[in-house]
Each structure stands twice: as structure tokens, then as C-alpha cells.
Amino acid sequence: MPRKQPTARQERLGRELRKLREAAGLTAREAAGMLGAVSVTMSQIESGVAGVSEARVRRLAAHYACTDAELIDALVEMATDRTRGWWEEYRDVLPPVFQDLAELEHHARFMQVVGTAHVPGLLQTEEYARAVFAYVGPELPESELELRVEHRMRRRQVLAREEAAPYEALVHESVLRTRVADRRVARAQLDELLSQSERPNVSVRVIPFDVDGFAGAGATMLYAGGRVPALDTVQRDAPYGSVFVDASAKLMGMRTLFRRVEKAAVTPAKSRDFIRRLTKEL
């Protein structure tokens, strides 16, 4: 049965299969024929509306003359994964991007984050998150505001699970000094950053005001590593919601952008000292 609302991950699998087909110079009708199916089936698979079995993924890859074994195995993993994570509880009560982001973080092999507007979501305290969500317009109903805060707090568990993926956050000093609520919330948020930075898989680095050559104020992003680099994904905030980027050329540009921002950040040890000094100023 066709899916009513495929996730971003399911749509990504379809796009990757379509890329392989187009690289092989085949039409959707020709590819469907190789599966003994009709063209509409291929269209549904490539749009993420319909699932696809491991056997079909491997058969298509063979017909497409794809010899990248790691990529094929990664696509099979995406096709056969039946994980119904905690984020499924929020389907139909929060916008789909909330579930897509939680699913992306769950499967990421590593995460690199740049925060130039707010503290990155996985590092936010409950009160900080509530202040951020409450500020959006139009004003959210109290029930949805609390659901969004609850969802964000549950996302944080990805940093604490066994064999958690490496997480590197680059945070601008302006973010640390901005009081989204009051002095007490700001101090608690700084304390939380210090606490999270003690995790073996978490690195928090600060970009000071006085660093030279930093023009990356608009560089906010989450770069999530896939099983293979071709399946990496970038999530960026846009004026009307989140945008997921996975085109190879754009991914390369995002990798370059992250490296540029990274050069402006001080070491994790110096960053902890920096945050401690800010905390004392509050």
C-alpha cells in the first residue's frame, strides 16, 4: 500500500535509486520492466511513496551497473530498516520536519553543527527551548508549544545512548551572550553546555567575537554523516522551515563551509574556559 506521507529518509532512498537509474541512461519504464512491474511502481519507489525490498534494490543496482558495494549496502539498509522510533508518536501532531530531523539524527554516523543564531537544539535546556519556540509567530497554542519542547528534549537522548555518534558543535559568542529568556535561564544554558561538553562523544567549540576573518554569521547548519559520504545530509533553517540538502555539489560546499567556520573556533579546552568566564559575568 502506498505511503500517505513518506519520511525524508524514505524520499532520500528513492532519489538515490533514481540517480543510479538516470546515470545508467534508463527510463523508469525500462527499470520497472527489469522488476516485472509497471512504470507507476517505479515512480512510487523513486518518490518514496512505496517501499522496496533488498532483492529489488540489488537487482536494480546490478542492472544499473553500479559497482559501489558500500553504497549498495547502505541503500539496502535504508530500504529494509523498519525502525519505528519514538518520533513516530508525534506524527500528525507536529509538522513532519520534526520527525524527519529526529530520524536523521538517529541514523547519523557523525554530526557537525554550526550555531550562529541559537544554541544547537541537542544542547538546549528545556527553558531555553521553550523561550525559542514561544518567540515564533504566529504565537503557538500552549499545547503545541509544550509538544515541541518535549520533542526537542527527547531528541537529546541521541547524545547519551551507547556508542553515540561523534557530535561537534561550533557556537558563536553572540549565541552565548544572547538572553532568549532571562539571566537565570542563560546561566543554566551555559552550565548545560559545559556539562554536555564533558561527554566523550561531544565537542563544543566557541567562535569568539574578536577572531579575524570570520564572515560566517549565516552558516547555521547540521551536517549529518551517512553510512557512506554520498548519503550525507545537511539540515538548514530557512525563513519558512527547515531545508534538507543532499545534492552532491551542495554537500561539498557545506563541507567546505564547515571547515572554514571550524578554523575560527578555539579549542574545546579554551572553549570551556570561555564559557566559564561568561557564566561568572551573569
C-alpha atoms as a PDB file:
ATOM      1  CA  MET A   1       0.000   0.000   0.000  1.00  0.00           C
ATOM      2  CA  PRO A   2       1.405   3.436  -0.950  1.00  0.00           C
ATOM      3  CA  ARG A   3       2.559   5.583   1.965  1.00  0.00           C
ATOM      4  CA  LYS A   4       0.470   8.658   2.671  1.00  0.00           C
ATOM      5  CA  GLN A   5       3.420  10.659   3.954  1.00  0.00           C
ATOM      6  CA  PRO A   6       6.919   9.237   3.322  1.00  0.00           C
ATOM      7  CA  THR A   7       9.684  10.421   5.628  1.00  0.00           C
ATOM      8  CA  ALA A   8      12.657  12.414   4.387  1.00  0.00           C
ATOM      9  CA  ARG A   9      14.763   9.243   4.721  1.00  0.00           C
ATOM     10  CA  GLN A  10      12.362   7.238   2.561  1.00  0.00           C
ATOM     11  CA  GLU A  11      12.297  10.002  -0.045  1.00  0.00           C
ATOM     12  CA  ARG A  12      16.102  10.110   0.005  1.00  0.00           C
ATOM     13  CA  LEU A  13      16.295   6.396  -0.813  1.00  0.00           C
ATOM     14  CA  GLY A  14      14.013   6.957  -3.793  1.00  0.00           C
ATOM     15  CA  ARG A  15      16.106   9.860  -5.050  1.00  0.00           C
ATOM     16  CA  GLU A  16      19.306   7.827  -4.801  1.00  0.00           C
ATOM     17  CA  LEU A  17      17.760   4.991  -6.811  1.00  0.00           C
ATOM     18  CA  ARG A  18      16.591   7.489  -9.414  1.00  0.00           C
ATOM     19  CA  LYS A  19      20.110   8.956  -9.641  1.00  0.00           C
ATOM     20  CA  LEU A  20      21.517   5.492 -10.330  1.00  0.00           C
ATOM     21  CA  ARG A  21      18.875   4.836 -12.991  1.00  0.00           C
ATOM     22  CA  GLU A  22      19.477   8.152 -14.734  1.00  0.00           C
ATOM     23  CA  ALA A  23      23.255   7.617 -14.627  1.00  0.00           C
ATOM     24  CA  ALA A  24      22.649   4.284 -16.390  1.00  0.00           C
ATOM     25  CA  GLY A  25      20.619   6.064 -19.081  1.00  0.00           C
ATOM     26  CA  LEU A  26      17.449   4.063 -18.439  1.00  0.00           C
ATOM     27  CA  THR A  27      13.840   5.220 -18.314  1.00  0.00           C
ATOM     28  CA  ALA A  28      11.521   4.444 -15.429  1.00  0.00           C
ATOM     29  CA  ARG A  29       9.554   2.146 -17.745  1.00  0.00           C
ATOM     30  CA  GLU A  30      12.714   0.189 -18.630  1.00  0.00           C
ATOM     31  CA  ALA A  31      13.729  -0.121 -14.970  1.00  0.00           C
ATOM     32  CA  ALA A  32      10.246  -1.274 -13.995  1.00  0.00           C
ATOM     33  CA  GLY A  33      10.394  -3.925 -16.706  1.00  0.00           C
ATOM     34  CA  MET A  34      13.519  -5.366 -15.110  1.00  0.00           C
ATOM     35  CA  LEU A  35      11.480  -5.880 -11.942  1.00  0.00           C
ATOM     36  CA  GLY A  36       8.485  -7.277 -13.779  1.00  0.00           C
ATOM     37  CA  ALA A  37       6.496  -4.240 -12.698  1.00  0.00           C
ATOM     38  CA  VAL A  38       4.717  -1.321 -14.327  1.00  0.00           C
ATOM     39  CA  SER A  39       6.191   2.177 -14.620  1.00  0.00           C
ATOM     40  CA  VAL A  40       3.899   3.586 -11.920  1.00  0.00           C
ATOM     41  CA  THR A  41       5.544   1.196  -9.433  1.00  0.00           C
ATOM     42  CA  MET A  42       8.951   2.629 -10.302  1.00  0.00           C
ATOM     43  CA  SER A  43       7.605   6.140  -9.897  1.00  0.00           C
ATOM     44  CA  GLN A  44       6.270   5.289  -6.437  1.00  0.00           C
ATOM     45  CA  ILE A  45       9.569   3.706  -5.380  1.00  0.00           C
ATOM     46  CA  GLU A  46      11.597   6.689  -6.575  1.00  0.00           C
ATOM     47  CA  SER A  47       9.312   9.159  -4.795  1.00  0.00           C
ATOM     48  CA  GLY A  48       9.428   7.224  -1.525  1.00  0.00           C
ATOM     49  CA  VAL A  49       5.702   6.548  -1.651  1.00  0.00           C
ATOM     50  CA  ALA A  50       6.294   2.787  -1.999  1.00  0.00           C
ATOM     51  CA  GLY A  51       8.838   0.618  -0.228  1.00  0.00           C
ATOM     52  CA  VAL A  52      11.358  -1.609  -1.981  1.00  0.00           C
ATOM     53  CA  SER A  53      12.864  -4.923  -0.918  1.00  0.00           C
ATOM     54  CA  GLU A  54      16.540  -5.782  -0.584  1.00  0.00           C
ATOM     55  CA  ALA A  55      16.266  -8.121  -3.573  1.00  0.00           C
ATOM     56  CA  ARG A  56      14.855  -5.358  -5.741  1.00  0.00           C
ATOM     57  CA  VAL A  57      17.483  -2.830  -4.647  1.00  0.00           C
ATOM     58  CA  ARG A  58      20.269  -5.255  -5.518  1.00  0.00           C
ATOM     59  CA  ARG A  59      18.637  -6.232  -8.817  1.00  0.00           C
ATOM     60  CA  LEU A  60      18.262  -2.603  -9.825  1.00  0.00           C
ATOM     61  CA  ALA A  61      21.858  -1.835  -8.826  1.00  0.00           C
ATOM     62  CA  ALA A  62      23.067  -4.735 -10.982  1.00  0.00           C
ATOM     63  CA  HIS A  63      21.045  -3.553 -13.993  1.00  0.00           C
ATOM     64  CA  TYR A  64      22.322  -0.018 -13.421  1.00  0.00           C
ATOM     65  CA  ALA A  65      25.900  -1.385 -13.466  1.00  0.00           C
ATOM     66  CA  CYS A  66      26.563   0.152 -10.034  1.00  0.00           C
ATOM     67  CA  THR A  67      29.734  -1.403  -8.635  1.00  0.00           C
ATOM     68  CA  ASP A  68      29.922   0.627  -5.421  1.00  0.00           C
ATOM     69  CA  ALA A  69      29.308  -2.181  -2.917  1.00  0.00           C
ATOM     70  CA  GLU A  70      29.316   0.140   0.113  1.00  0.00           C
ATOM     71  CA  LEU A  71      26.691   2.400  -1.435  1.00  0.00           C
ATOM     72  CA  ILE A  72      24.519  -0.565  -2.406  1.00  0.00           C
ATOM     73  CA  ASP A  73      24.715  -1.996   1.122  1.00  0.00           C
ATOM     74  CA  ALA A  74      23.820   1.430   2.552  1.00  0.00           C
ATOM     75  CA  LEU A  75      20.786   1.685   0.246  1.00  0.00           C
ATOM     76  CA  VAL A  76      19.716  -1.821   1.258  1.00  0.00           C
ATOM     77  CA  GLU A  77      19.980  -0.762   4.902  1.00  0.00           C
ATOM     78  CA  MET A  78      17.736   2.235   4.213  1.00  0.00           C
ATOM     79  CA  ALA A  79      15.253   0.062   2.311  1.00  0.00           C
ATOM     80  CA  THR A  80      14.980  -2.671   4.931  1.00  0.00           C
ATOM     81  CA  ASP A  81      15.146  -0.572   8.096  1.00  0.00           C
ATOM     82  CA  ARG A  82      11.877  -0.984   9.982  1.00  0.00           C
ATOM     83  CA  THR A  83      12.745   1.260  12.920  1.00  0.00           C
ATOM     84  CA  ARG A  84       9.700   2.913  14.426  1.00  0.00           C
ATOM     85  CA  GLY A  85      11.400   5.382  16.710  1.00  0.00           C
ATOM     86  CA  TRP A  86       9.925   7.457  19.486  1.00  0.00           C
ATOM     87  CA  TRP A  87       9.428  10.291  16.991  1.00  0.00           C
ATOM     88  CA  GLU A  88       6.540   8.350  15.391  1.00  0.00           C
ATOM     89  CA  GLU A  89       4.448   9.358  18.409  1.00  0.00           C
ATOM     90  CA  TYR A  90       4.448  12.929  17.078  1.00  0.00           C
ATOM     91  CA  ARG A  91       3.177  12.097  13.600  1.00  0.00           C
ATOM     92  CA  ASP A  92       0.075  14.148  12.763  1.00  0.00           C
ATOM     93  CA  VAL A  93       0.514  16.349  15.856  1.00  0.00           C
ATOM     94  CA  LEU A  94       3.711  18.183  14.837  1.00  0.00           C
ATOM     95  CA  PRO A  95       4.956  19.209  11.369  1.00  0.00           C
ATOM     96  CA  PRO A  96       6.735  16.335   9.517  1.00  0.00           C
ATOM     97  CA  VAL A  97      10.120  18.069   9.763  1.00  0.00           C
ATOM     98  CA  PHE A  98      10.207  17.301  13.493  1.00  0.00           C
ATOM     99  CA  GLN A  99      10.088  13.558  12.818  1.00  0.00           C
ATOM    100  CA  ASP A 100      12.477  13.845   9.867  1.00  0.00           C
ATOM    101  CA  LEU A 101      15.094  15.649  11.960  1.00  0.00           C
ATOM    102  CA  ALA A 102      14.899  13.151  14.826  1.00  0.00           C
ATOM    103  CA  GLU A 103      15.201  10.263  12.363  1.00  0.00           C
ATOM    104  CA  LEU A 104      18.175  11.924  10.657  1.00  0.00           C
ATOM    105  CA  GLU A 105      19.978  12.326  13.990  1.00  0.00           C
ATOM    106  CA  HIS A 106      19.166   8.752  14.986  1.00  0.00           C
ATOM    107  CA  HIS A 107      20.851   7.289  11.895  1.00  0.00           C
ATOM    108  CA  ALA A 108      23.756   9.767  11.623  1.00  0.00           C
ATOM    109  CA  ARG A 109      27.283   8.316  11.825  1.00  0.00           C
ATOM    110  CA  PHE A 110      28.521  11.733  12.995  1.00  0.00           C
ATOM    111  CA  MET A 111      27.080  15.229  13.417  1.00  0.00           C
ATOM    112  CA  GLN A 112      28.728  18.600  12.875  1.00  0.00           C
ATOM    113  CA  VAL A 113      26.722  21.646  13.908  1.00  0.00           C
ATOM    114  CA  VAL A 114      27.227  25.388  13.473  1.00  0.00           C
ATOM    115  CA  GLY A 115      25.178  27.653  15.749  1.00  0.00           C
ATOM    116  CA  THR A 116      25.215  31.364  14.930  1.00  0.00           C
ATOM    117  CA  ALA A 117      21.627  32.174  15.919  1.00  0.00           C
ATOM    118  CA  HIS A 118      20.750  29.845  18.813  1.00  0.00           C
ATOM    119  CA  VAL A 119      22.367  27.144  20.904  1.00  0.00           C
ATOM    120  CA  PRO A 120      22.098  23.924  18.815  1.00  0.00           C
ATOM    121  CA  GLY A 121      18.897  22.024  19.601  1.00  0.00           C
ATOM    122  CA  LEU A 122      20.518  18.919  21.108  1.00  0.00           C
ATOM    123  CA  LEU A 123      22.362  21.119  23.623  1.00  0.00           C
ATOM    124  CA  GLN A 124      19.413  23.277  24.701  1.00  0.00           C
ATOM    125  CA  THR A 125      17.843  23.210  28.131  1.00  0.00           C
ATOM    126  CA  GLU A 126      14.083  22.876  28.410  1.00  0.00           C
ATOM    127  CA  GLU A 127      13.590  26.512  29.402  1.00  0.00           C
ATOM    128  CA  TYR A 128      15.853  27.764  26.615  1.00  0.00           C
ATOM    129  CA  ALA A 129      13.937  25.686  24.060  1.00  0.00           C
ATOM    130  CA  ARG A 130      10.601  26.933  25.384  1.00  0.00           C
ATOM    131  CA  ALA A 131      11.722  30.554  25.050  1.00  0.00           C
ATOM    132  CA  VAL A 132      12.861  29.965  21.449  1.00  0.00           C
ATOM    133  CA  PHE A 133       9.634  28.234  20.394  1.00  0.00           C
ATOM    134  CA  ALA A 134       7.459  30.800  22.203  1.00  0.00           C
ATOM    135  CA  TYR A 135       9.065  33.612  20.224  1.00  0.00           C
ATOM    136  CA  VAL A 136       7.930  32.409  16.797  1.00  0.00           C
ATOM    137  CA  GLY A 137       4.964  33.958  15.067  1.00  0.00           C
ATOM    138  CA  PRO A 138       2.111  33.367  14.929  1.00  0.00           C
ATOM    139  CA  GLU A 139       2.034  32.552  18.605  1.00  0.00           C
ATOM    140  CA  LEU A 140       1.749  28.814  19.192  1.00  0.00           C
ATOM    141  CA  PRO A 141      -1.090  27.301  21.246  1.00  0.00           C
ATOM    142  CA  GLU A 142       0.192  26.211  24.649  1.00  0.00           C
ATOM    143  CA  SER A 143      -0.425  22.544  23.815  1.00  0.00           C
ATOM    144  CA  GLU A 144       1.719  22.651  20.648  1.00  0.00           C
ATOM    145  CA  LEU A 145       4.413  24.710  22.354  1.00  0.00           C
ATOM    146  CA  GLU A 146       4.778  22.043  25.031  1.00  0.00           C
ATOM    147  CA  LEU A 147       4.817  19.253  22.423  1.00  0.00           C
ATOM    148  CA  ARG A 148       7.647  20.981  20.561  1.00  0.00           C
ATOM    149  CA  VAL A 149       9.654  21.416  23.749  1.00  0.00           C
ATOM    150  CA  GLU A 150       9.022  17.795  24.740  1.00  0.00           C
ATOM    151  CA  HIS A 151      10.111  16.577  21.290  1.00  0.00           C
ATOM    152  CA  ARG A 152      13.316  18.626  21.451  1.00  0.00           C
ATOM    153  CA  MET A 153      14.172  17.273  24.884  1.00  0.00           C
ATOM    154  CA  ARG A 154      13.638  13.698  23.690  1.00  0.00           C
ATOM    155  CA  ARG A 155      15.945  14.315  20.727  1.00  0.00           C
ATOM    156  CA  ARG A 156      18.772  14.878  23.211  1.00  0.00           C
ATOM    157  CA  GLN A 157      18.871  11.181  24.106  1.00  0.00           C
ATOM    158  CA  VAL A 158      20.815  10.503  20.901  1.00  0.00           C
ATOM    159  CA  LEU A 159      23.887  12.038  22.583  1.00  0.00           C
ATOM    160  CA  ALA A 160      23.626   9.799  25.646  1.00  0.00           C
ATOM    161  CA  ARG A 161      22.966   6.378  24.121  1.00  0.00           C
ATOM    162  CA  GLU A 162      25.589   3.633  23.984  1.00  0.00           C
ATOM    163  CA  GLU A 163      28.106   4.105  21.170  1.00  0.00           C
ATOM    164  CA  ALA A 164      26.672   7.551  20.468  1.00  0.00           C
ATOM    165  CA  ALA A 165      27.839   9.204  17.255  1.00  0.00           C
ATOM    166  CA  PRO A 166      30.506  11.930  17.491  1.00  0.00           C
ATOM    167  CA  TYR A 167      28.924  15.364  17.812  1.00  0.00           C
ATOM    168  CA  GLU A 168      30.891  18.553  17.167  1.00  0.00           C
ATOM    169  CA  ALA A 169      29.238  21.925  17.800  1.00  0.00           C
ATOM    170  CA  LEU A 170      30.705  25.278  16.762  1.00  0.00           C
ATOM    171  CA  VAL A 171      28.877  28.072  18.603  1.00  0.00           C
ATOM    172  CA  HIS A 172      29.403  31.798  18.096  1.00  0.00           C
ATOM    173  CA  GLU A 173      29.971  34.022  21.128  1.00  0.00           C
ATOM    174  CA  SER A 174      26.893  36.074  20.203  1.00  0.00           C
ATOM    175  CA  VAL A 175      24.758  32.982  20.797  1.00  0.00           C
ATOM    176  CA  LEU A 176      26.222  32.507  24.257  1.00  0.00           C
ATOM    177  CA  ARG A 177      25.649  36.138  25.209  1.00  0.00           C
ATOM    178  CA  THR A 178      22.091  36.408  23.873  1.00  0.00           C
ATOM    179  CA  ARG A 179      19.462  36.005  26.599  1.00  0.00           C
ATOM    180  CA  VAL A 180      16.497  34.321  24.953  1.00  0.00           C
ATOM    181  CA  ALA A 181      14.753  34.500  28.334  1.00  0.00           C
ATOM    182  CA  ASP A 182      16.395  35.876  31.482  1.00  0.00           C
ATOM    183  CA  ARG A 183      19.682  35.761  33.386  1.00  0.00           C
ATOM    184  CA  ARG A 184      18.782  32.541  35.228  1.00  0.00           C
ATOM    185  CA  VAL A 185      17.932  30.674  32.016  1.00  0.00           C
ATOM    186  CA  ALA A 186      21.095  31.985  30.356  1.00  0.00           C
ATOM    187  CA  ARG A 187      23.273  30.765  33.230  1.00  0.00           C
ATOM    188  CA  ALA A 188      21.593  27.353  33.232  1.00  0.00           C
ATOM    189  CA  GLN A 189      22.150  27.064  29.488  1.00  0.00           C
ATOM    190  CA  LEU A 190      25.855  27.816  29.830  1.00  0.00           C
ATOM    191  CA  ASP A 191      26.114  25.236  32.600  1.00  0.00           C
ATOM    192  CA  GLU A 192      24.410  22.718  30.328  1.00  0.00           C
ATOM    193  CA  LEU A 193      26.906  23.380  27.538  1.00  0.00           C
ATOM    194  CA  LEU A 194      29.742  22.697  29.953  1.00  0.00           C
ATOM    195  CA  SER A 195      28.074  19.523  31.159  1.00  0.00           C
ATOM    196  CA  GLN A 196      27.417  18.194  27.657  1.00  0.00           C
ATOM    197  CA  SER A 197      30.961  19.023  26.559  1.00  0.00           C
ATOM    198  CA  GLU A 198      32.228  16.538  29.148  1.00  0.00           C
ATOM    199  CA  ARG A 199      30.707  13.646  27.200  1.00  0.00           C
ATOM    200  CA  PRO A 200      33.383  11.681  25.319  1.00  0.00           C
ATOM    201  CA  ASN A 201      31.457  11.965  22.046  1.00  0.00           C
ATOM    202  CA  VAL A 202      30.625  15.686  22.336  1.00  0.00           C
ATOM    203  CA  SER A 203      32.858  18.619  21.422  1.00  0.00           C
ATOM    204  CA  VAL A 204      31.751  22.229  21.953  1.00  0.00           C
ATOM    205  CA  ARG A 205      33.930  24.953  20.465  1.00  0.00           C
ATOM    206  CA  VAL A 206      33.382  28.713  20.657  1.00  0.00           C
ATOM    207  CA  ILE A 207      33.919  31.268  17.898  1.00  0.00           C
ATOM    208  CA  PRO A 208      34.925  34.479  19.755  1.00  0.00           C
ATOM    209  CA  PHE A 209      33.871  37.954  18.702  1.00  0.00           C
ATOM    210  CA  ASP A 210      37.471  39.071  18.265  1.00  0.00           C
ATOM    211  CA  VAL A 211      38.562  36.363  15.807  1.00  0.00           C
ATOM    212  CA  ASP A 212      39.750  37.790  12.491  1.00  0.00           C
ATOM    213  CA  GLY A 213      38.405  36.713   9.127  1.00  0.00           C
ATOM    214  CA  PHE A 214      35.058  35.295  10.240  1.00  0.00           C
ATOM    215  CA  ALA A 215      32.186  36.152   7.902  1.00  0.00           C
ATOM    216  CA  GLY A 216      30.083  33.078   8.574  1.00  0.00           C
ATOM    217  CA  ALA A 217      27.192  34.579  10.502  1.00  0.00           C
ATOM    218  CA  GLY A 218      24.775  32.784   8.166  1.00  0.00           C
ATOM    219  CA  ALA A 219      26.492  29.410   8.404  1.00  0.00           C
ATOM    220  CA  THR A 220      23.969  27.758  10.757  1.00  0.00           C
ATOM    221  CA  MET A 221      23.659  24.085   9.806  1.00  0.00           C
ATOM    222  CA  LEU A 222      23.561  20.464  10.892  1.00  0.00           C
ATOM    223  CA  TYR A 223      25.813  18.210   8.821  1.00  0.00           C
ATOM    224  CA  ALA A 224      24.818  14.574   9.407  1.00  0.00           C
ATOM    225  CA  GLY A 225      27.126  11.855   8.142  1.00  0.00           C
ATOM    226  CA  GLY A 226      25.558   8.907   6.358  1.00  0.00           C
ATOM    227  CA  ARG A 227      26.841   5.358   6.161  1.00  0.00           C
ATOM    228  CA  VAL A 228      28.787   6.485   3.082  1.00  0.00           C
ATOM    229  CA  PRO A 229      29.659  10.116   2.180  1.00  0.00           C
ATOM    230  CA  ALA A 230      27.258  10.063  -0.769  1.00  0.00           C
ATOM    231  CA  LEU A 231      24.410   9.689   1.738  1.00  0.00           C
ATOM    232  CA  ASP A 232      25.389  12.633   3.957  1.00  0.00           C
ATOM    233  CA  THR A 233      22.645  15.191   4.626  1.00  0.00           C
ATOM    234  CA  VAL A 234      22.654  18.836   5.669  1.00  0.00           C
ATOM    235  CA  GLN A 235      19.754  20.416   7.523  1.00  0.00           C
ATOM    236  CA  ARG A 236      19.499  24.187   7.462  1.00  0.00           C
ATOM    237  CA  ASP A 237      16.942  26.583   8.902  1.00  0.00           C
ATOM    238  CA  ALA A 238      15.091  28.704   6.354  1.00  0.00           C
ATOM    239  CA  PRO A 239      12.575  31.548   6.845  1.00  0.00           C
ATOM    240  CA  TYR A 240       9.640  29.149   6.410  1.00  0.00           C
ATOM    241  CA  GLY A 241      11.005  25.970   7.950  1.00  0.00           C
ATOM    242  CA  SER A 242      13.862  23.506   7.672  1.00  0.00           C
ATOM    243  CA  VAL A 243      15.536  22.521   4.418  1.00  0.00           C
ATOM    244  CA  PHE A 244      17.314  19.206   3.833  1.00  0.00           C
ATOM    245  CA  VAL A 245      20.211  19.319   1.382  1.00  0.00           C
ATOM    246  CA  ASP A 246      21.677  16.200  -0.244  1.00  0.00           C
ATOM    247  CA  ALA A 247      22.836  17.166  -3.753  1.00  0.00           C
ATOM    248  CA  SER A 248      26.497  16.153  -4.082  1.00  0.00           C
ATOM    249  CA  ALA A 249      27.731  19.594  -5.178  1.00  0.00           C
ATOM    250  CA  LYS A 250      25.899  21.310  -2.316  1.00  0.00           C
ATOM    251  CA  LEU A 251      27.193  18.776   0.204  1.00  0.00           C
ATOM    252  CA  MET A 252      30.726  19.525  -0.931  1.00  0.00           C
ATOM    253  CA  GLY A 253      30.054  23.223  -0.446  1.00  0.00           C
ATOM    254  CA  MET A 254      28.696  22.597   3.061  1.00  0.00           C
ATOM    255  CA  ARG A 255      31.782  20.545   3.989  1.00  0.00           C
ATOM    256  CA  THR A 256      33.979  23.436   2.852  1.00  0.00           C
ATOM    257  CA  LEU A 257      31.862  25.931   4.785  1.00  0.00           C
ATOM    258  CA  PHE A 258      32.111  23.875   7.975  1.00  0.00           C
ATOM    259  CA  ARG A 259      35.907  23.685   7.669  1.00  0.00           C
ATOM    260  CA  ARG A 260      36.096  27.461   7.277  1.00  0.00           C
ATOM    261  CA  VAL A 261      33.971  28.029  10.366  1.00  0.00           C
ATOM    262  CA  GLU A 262      35.959  25.413  12.268  1.00  0.00           C
ATOM    263  CA  LYS A 263      39.177  27.363  11.695  1.00  0.00           C
ATOM    264  CA  ALA A 264      37.661  30.337  13.544  1.00  0.00           C
ATOM    265  CA  ALA A 265      36.787  28.322  16.668  1.00  0.00           C
ATOM    266  CA  VAL A 266      39.076  27.948  19.676  1.00  0.00           C
ATOM    267  CA  THR A 267      39.937  24.521  21.111  1.00  0.00           C
ATOM    268  CA  PRO A 268      37.455  22.590  23.282  1.00  0.00           C
ATOM    269  CA  ALA A 269      39.547  23.288  26.398  1.00  0.00           C
ATOM    270  CA  LYS A 270      39.723  27.029  25.703  1.00  0.00           C
ATOM    271  CA  SER A 271      36.025  26.984  24.874  1.00  0.00           C
ATOM    272  CA  ARG A 272      35.175  25.529  28.290  1.00  0.00           C
ATOM    273  CA  ASP A 273      37.244  28.261  29.948  1.00  0.00           C
ATOM    274  CA  PHE A 274      35.473  30.835  27.770  1.00  0.00           C
ATOM    275  CA  ILE A 275      32.040  29.552  28.814  1.00  0.00           C
ATOM    276  CA  ARG A 276      33.024  29.525  32.485  1.00  0.00           C
ATOM    277  CA  ARG A 277      34.078  33.195  32.253  1.00  0.00           C
ATOM    278  CA  LEU A 278      30.749  34.108  30.647  1.00  0.00           C
ATOM    279  CA  THR A 279      28.887  32.261  33.384  1.00  0.00           C
ATOM    280  CA  LYS A 280      30.672  34.286  36.069  1.00  0.00           C
ATOM    281  CA  GLU A 281      29.686  37.520  34.295  1.00  0.00           C
ATOM    282  CA  LEU A 282      25.967  36.706  34.629  1.00  0.00           C
END
